C-alpha atoms as a PDB file:
ATOM      1  CA  UNK A   1     185.336 135.514  40.565  1.00  0.00           C
ATOM      2  CA  UNK A   2     182.535 134.640  42.927  1.00  0.00           C
ATOM      3  CA  UNK A   3     179.131 133.821  41.559  1.00  0.00           C
ATOM      4  CA  UNK A   4     175.974 135.840  41.940  1.00  0.00           C
ATOM      5  CA  UNK A   5     173.097 134.529  44.011  1.00  0.00           C
ATOM      6  CA  UNK A   6     174.611 134.329  47.474  1.00  0.00           C
ATOM      7  CA  UNK A   7     174.262 136.794  50.309  1.00  0.00           C
ATOM      8  CA  UNK A   8     177.516 138.707  50.738  1.00  0.00           C
ATOM      9  CA  UNK A   9     178.648 139.115  54.349  1.00  0.00           C
ATOM     10  CA  UNK A  10     181.157 141.974  54.345  1.00  0.00           C
ATOM     11  CA  UNK A  11     183.048 142.712  57.569  1.00  0.00           C
ATOM     12  CA  UNK A  12     185.032 145.809  58.391  1.00  0.00           C
ATOM     13  CA  UNK A  13     188.786 145.629  58.213  1.00  0.00           C
ATOM     14  CA  UNK A  14     189.158 146.603  61.887  1.00  0.00           C
ATOM     15  CA  UNK A  15     192.777 145.499  61.834  1.00  0.00           C
ATOM     16  CA  UNK A  16     194.336 145.761  65.266  1.00  0.00           C
ATOM     17  CA  UNK A  17     190.970 145.974  67.016  1.00  0.00           C
ATOM     18  CA  UNK A  18     189.518 143.083  69.000  1.00  0.00           C
ATOM     19  CA  UNK A  19     185.928 143.811  67.976  1.00  0.00           C
ATOM     20  CA  UNK A  20     186.952 143.898  64.300  1.00  0.00           C
ATOM     21  CA  UNK A  21     188.455 140.455  64.834  1.00  0.00           C
ATOM     22  CA  UNK A  22     185.162 139.294  66.394  1.00  0.00           C
ATOM     23  CA  UNK A  23     183.288 140.535  63.320  1.00  0.00           C
ATOM     24  CA  UNK A  24     185.614 138.723  60.937  1.00  0.00           C
ATOM     25  CA  UNK A  25     185.436 135.536  63.039  1.00  0.00           C
ATOM     26  CA  UNK A  26     181.634 135.704  62.880  1.00  0.00           C
ATOM     27  CA  UNK A  27     181.732 136.187  59.101  1.00  0.00           C
ATOM     28  CA  UNK A  28     184.001 133.148  58.653  1.00  0.00           C
ATOM     29  CA  UNK A  29     181.734 131.056  60.852  1.00  0.00           C
ATOM     30  CA  UNK A  30     178.764 132.006  58.674  1.00  0.00           C
ATOM     31  CA  UNK A  31     180.355 131.516  55.249  1.00  0.00           C
ATOM     32  CA  UNK A  32     182.371 128.405  56.140  1.00  0.00           C
ATOM     33  CA  UNK A  33     180.158 126.551  58.630  1.00  0.00           C
ATOM     34  CA  UNK A  34     176.644 127.881  59.173  1.00  0.00           C
ATOM     35  CA  UNK A  35     175.559 128.907  55.642  1.00  0.00           C
ATOM     36  CA  UNK A  36     178.313 127.924  53.176  1.00  0.00           C
ATOM     37  CA  UNK A  37     175.839 127.384  50.331  1.00  0.00           C
ATOM     38  CA  UNK A  38     173.955 130.618  50.924  1.00  0.00           C
ATOM     39  CA  UNK A  39     176.649 133.104  51.941  1.00  0.00           C
ATOM     40  CA  UNK A  40     180.040 134.312  50.813  1.00  0.00           C
ATOM     41  CA  UNK A  41     182.216 137.358  51.296  1.00  0.00           C
ATOM     42  CA  UNK A  42     184.343 139.860  49.448  1.00  0.00           C
ATOM     43  CA  UNK A  43     187.264 141.941  50.593  1.00  0.00           C
ATOM     44  CA  UNK A  44     186.064 145.349  51.833  1.00  0.00           C
ATOM     45  CA  UNK A  45     189.146 147.172  50.478  1.00  0.00           C
ATOM     46  CA  UNK A  46     188.270 145.969  46.960  1.00  0.00           C
ATOM     47  CA  UNK A  47     184.844 147.549  47.393  1.00  0.00           C
ATOM     48  CA  UNK A  48     186.455 150.700  48.787  1.00  0.00           C
ATOM     49  CA  UNK A  49     188.754 151.120  45.788  1.00  0.00           C
ATOM     50  CA  UNK A  50     185.799 150.478  43.481  1.00  0.00           C
ATOM     51  CA  UNK A  51     187.003 147.225  41.927  1.00  0.00           C
ATOM     52  CA  UNK A  52     184.535 146.734  39.062  1.00  0.00           C
ATOM     53  CA  UNK A  53     183.916 143.026  39.645  1.00  0.00           C
ATOM     54  CA  UNK A  54     183.275 143.520  43.362  1.00  0.00           C
ATOM     55  CA  UNK A  55     181.051 146.546  42.710  1.00  0.00           C
ATOM     56  CA  UNK A  56     178.924 144.440  40.361  1.00  0.00           C
ATOM     57  CA  UNK A  57     178.577 141.693  42.964  1.00  0.00           C
ATOM     58  CA  UNK A  58     177.636 144.151  45.728  1.00  0.00           C
ATOM     59  CA  UNK A  59     175.076 145.855  43.511  1.00  0.00           C
ATOM     60  CA  UNK A  60     173.483 142.648  42.227  1.00  0.00           C
ATOM     61  CA  UNK A  61     173.340 140.652  45.458  1.00  0.00           C
ATOM     62  CA  UNK A  62     172.087 141.153  48.980  1.00  0.00           C
ATOM     63  CA  UNK A  63     174.832 142.426  51.295  1.00  0.00           C
ATOM     64  CA  UNK A  64     175.159 142.314  55.064  1.00  0.00           C
ATOM     65  CA  UNK A  65     177.688 144.572  56.747  1.00  0.00           C
ATOM     66  CA  UNK A  66     179.481 143.510  59.921  1.00  0.00           C
ATOM     67  CA  UNK A  67     181.220 146.355  61.727  1.00  0.00           C
ATOM     68  CA  UNK A  68     183.350 146.179  64.839  1.00  0.00           C
ATOM     69  CA  UNK A  69     182.560 149.688  66.019  1.00  0.00           C
ATOM     70  CA  UNK A  70     179.961 152.449  65.666  1.00  0.00           C
ATOM     71  CA  UNK A  71     181.895 154.104  62.807  1.00  0.00           C
ATOM     72  CA  UNK A  72     180.343 151.380  60.596  1.00  0.00           C
ATOM     73  CA  UNK A  73     182.905 151.585  57.791  1.00  0.00           C
ATOM     74  CA  UNK A  74     181.661 148.408  56.081  1.00  0.00           C
ATOM     75  CA  UNK A  75     178.059 149.659  56.016  1.00  0.00           C
ATOM     76  CA  UNK A  76     179.107 153.081  54.739  1.00  0.00           C
ATOM     77  CA  UNK A  77     181.268 151.584  51.995  1.00  0.00           C
ATOM     78  CA  UNK A  78     178.494 149.293  50.810  1.00  0.00           C
ATOM     79  CA  UNK A  79     176.054 152.202  50.740  1.00  0.00           C
ATOM     80  CA  UNK A  80     178.457 154.591  48.965  1.00  0.00           C
ATOM     81  CA  UNK A  81     179.134 151.882  46.380  1.00  0.00           C
ATOM     82  CA  UNK A  82     175.393 151.570  45.745  1.00  0.00           C
ATOM     83  CA  UNK A  83     175.510 148.010  47.035  1.00  0.00           C
ATOM     84  CA  UNK A  84     172.312 146.223  47.993  1.00  0.00           C
ATOM     85  CA  UNK A  85     172.581 146.538  51.796  1.00  0.00           C
ATOM     86  CA  UNK A  86     169.875 144.431  53.448  1.00  0.00           C
ATOM     87  CA  UNK A  87     171.193 144.214  57.009  1.00  0.00           C
ATOM     88  CA  UNK A  88     173.858 145.716  59.210  1.00  0.00           C
ATOM     89  CA  UNK A  89     175.383 144.342  62.406  1.00  0.00           C
ATOM     90  CA  UNK A  90     177.688 146.145  64.835  1.00  0.00           C
ATOM     91  CA  UNK A  91     179.773 144.062  67.234  1.00  0.00           C
ATOM     92  CA  UNK A  92     179.505 146.690  69.975  1.00  0.00           C
ATOM     93  CA  UNK A  93     175.708 146.205  69.967  1.00  0.00           C
ATOM     94  CA  UNK A  94     176.087 142.445  70.428  1.00  0.00           C
ATOM     95  CA  UNK A  95     178.686 143.002  73.156  1.00  0.00           C
ATOM     96  CA  UNK A  96     176.258 145.338  74.936  1.00  0.00           C
ATOM     97  CA  UNK A  97     173.713 142.497  74.961  1.00  0.00           C
ATOM     98  CA  UNK A  98     176.380 140.047  76.218  1.00  0.00           C
ATOM     99  CA  UNK A  99     178.550 142.133  78.545  1.00  0.00           C
ATOM    100  CA  UNK A 100     180.341 139.134  80.025  1.00  0.00           C
ATOM    101  CA  UNK A 101     181.795 138.077  76.667  1.00  0.00           C
ATOM    102  CA  UNK A 102     184.584 140.610  76.211  1.00  0.00           C
ATOM    103  CA  UNK A 103     187.365 139.344  73.916  1.00  0.00           C
ATOM    104  CA  UNK A 104     190.761 138.788  75.506  1.00  0.00           C
ATOM    105  CA  UNK A 105     192.809 140.328  72.701  1.00  0.00           C
ATOM    106  CA  UNK A 106     193.173 141.052  69.007  1.00  0.00           C
ATOM    107  CA  UNK A 107     194.933 137.911  67.804  1.00  0.00           C
ATOM    108  CA  UNK A 108     193.539 135.534  70.423  1.00  0.00           C
ATOM    109  CA  UNK A 109     189.909 136.254  71.213  1.00  0.00           C
ATOM    110  CA  UNK A 110     189.792 133.643  73.960  1.00  0.00           C
ATOM    111  CA  UNK A 111     186.713 131.571  74.837  1.00  0.00           C
ATOM    112  CA  UNK A 112     184.523 134.593  75.631  1.00  0.00           C
ATOM    113  CA  UNK A 113     185.449 136.417  72.429  1.00  0.00           C
ATOM    114  CA  UNK A 114     184.823 133.306  70.375  1.00  0.00           C
ATOM    115  CA  UNK A 115     181.428 132.859  72.050  1.00  0.00           C
ATOM    116  CA  UNK A 116     180.596 136.482  71.191  1.00  0.00           C
ATOM    117  CA  UNK A 117     181.570 135.796  67.561  1.00  0.00           C
ATOM    118  CA  UNK A 118     179.324 132.702  67.525  1.00  0.00           C
ATOM    119  CA  UNK A 119     176.361 134.663  68.879  1.00  0.00           C
ATOM    120  CA  UNK A 120     176.876 137.254  66.151  1.00  0.00           C
ATOM    121  CA  UNK A 121     177.264 134.533  63.523  1.00  0.00           C
ATOM    122  CA  UNK A 122     173.912 133.021  64.548  1.00  0.00           C
ATOM    123  CA  UNK A 123     172.264 136.438  64.197  1.00  0.00           C
ATOM    124  CA  UNK A 124     173.757 136.874  60.728  1.00  0.00           C
ATOM    125  CA  UNK A 125     172.712 133.343  59.702  1.00  0.00           C
ATOM    126  CA  UNK A 126     169.173 134.066  60.902  1.00  0.00           C
ATOM    127  CA  UNK A 127     169.043 137.179  58.755  1.00  0.00           C
ATOM    128  CA  UNK A 128     170.298 135.200  55.737  1.00  0.00           C
ATOM    129  CA  UNK A 129     167.469 132.730  56.296  1.00  0.00           C
ATOM    130  CA  UNK A 130     164.958 135.602  56.330  1.00  0.00           C
ATOM    131  CA  UNK A 131     166.417 137.005  53.110  1.00  0.00           C
ATOM    132  CA  UNK A 132     166.268 133.630  51.369  1.00  0.00           C
ATOM    133  CA  UNK A 133     162.723 132.946  52.571  1.00  0.00           C
ATOM    134  CA  UNK A 134     161.593 136.235  51.013  1.00  0.00           C
ATOM    135  CA  UNK A 135     163.148 135.639  47.583  1.00  0.00           C
END
């Protein structure tokens, strides 16, 4: 199981939705490229079904939700699980700030969708830096 001490970036499932794919792409960019030593992730469905190991991680570590739409399922699941939510990002908000970067589709985001994911990833990485600077 994953170790405590990292910031958990938890995206919505958003399967079949382009903005859910953008959120997951941003999460992967953060945990694999931008902040691999400071951030990790867990599967949202494991949190939703109240997997004990995942609950413990969410409650003992800072969590950032990444939601594709305003329903904010990831944020709500972290909160209902009594996870330590420290930040929440919604892809639709980032798209509103970058209207020209609409993803092309669900499976292939295209250059604009990938750029949108990178902008979101930078925002998430910046928040992780703030969290770590305040520890």
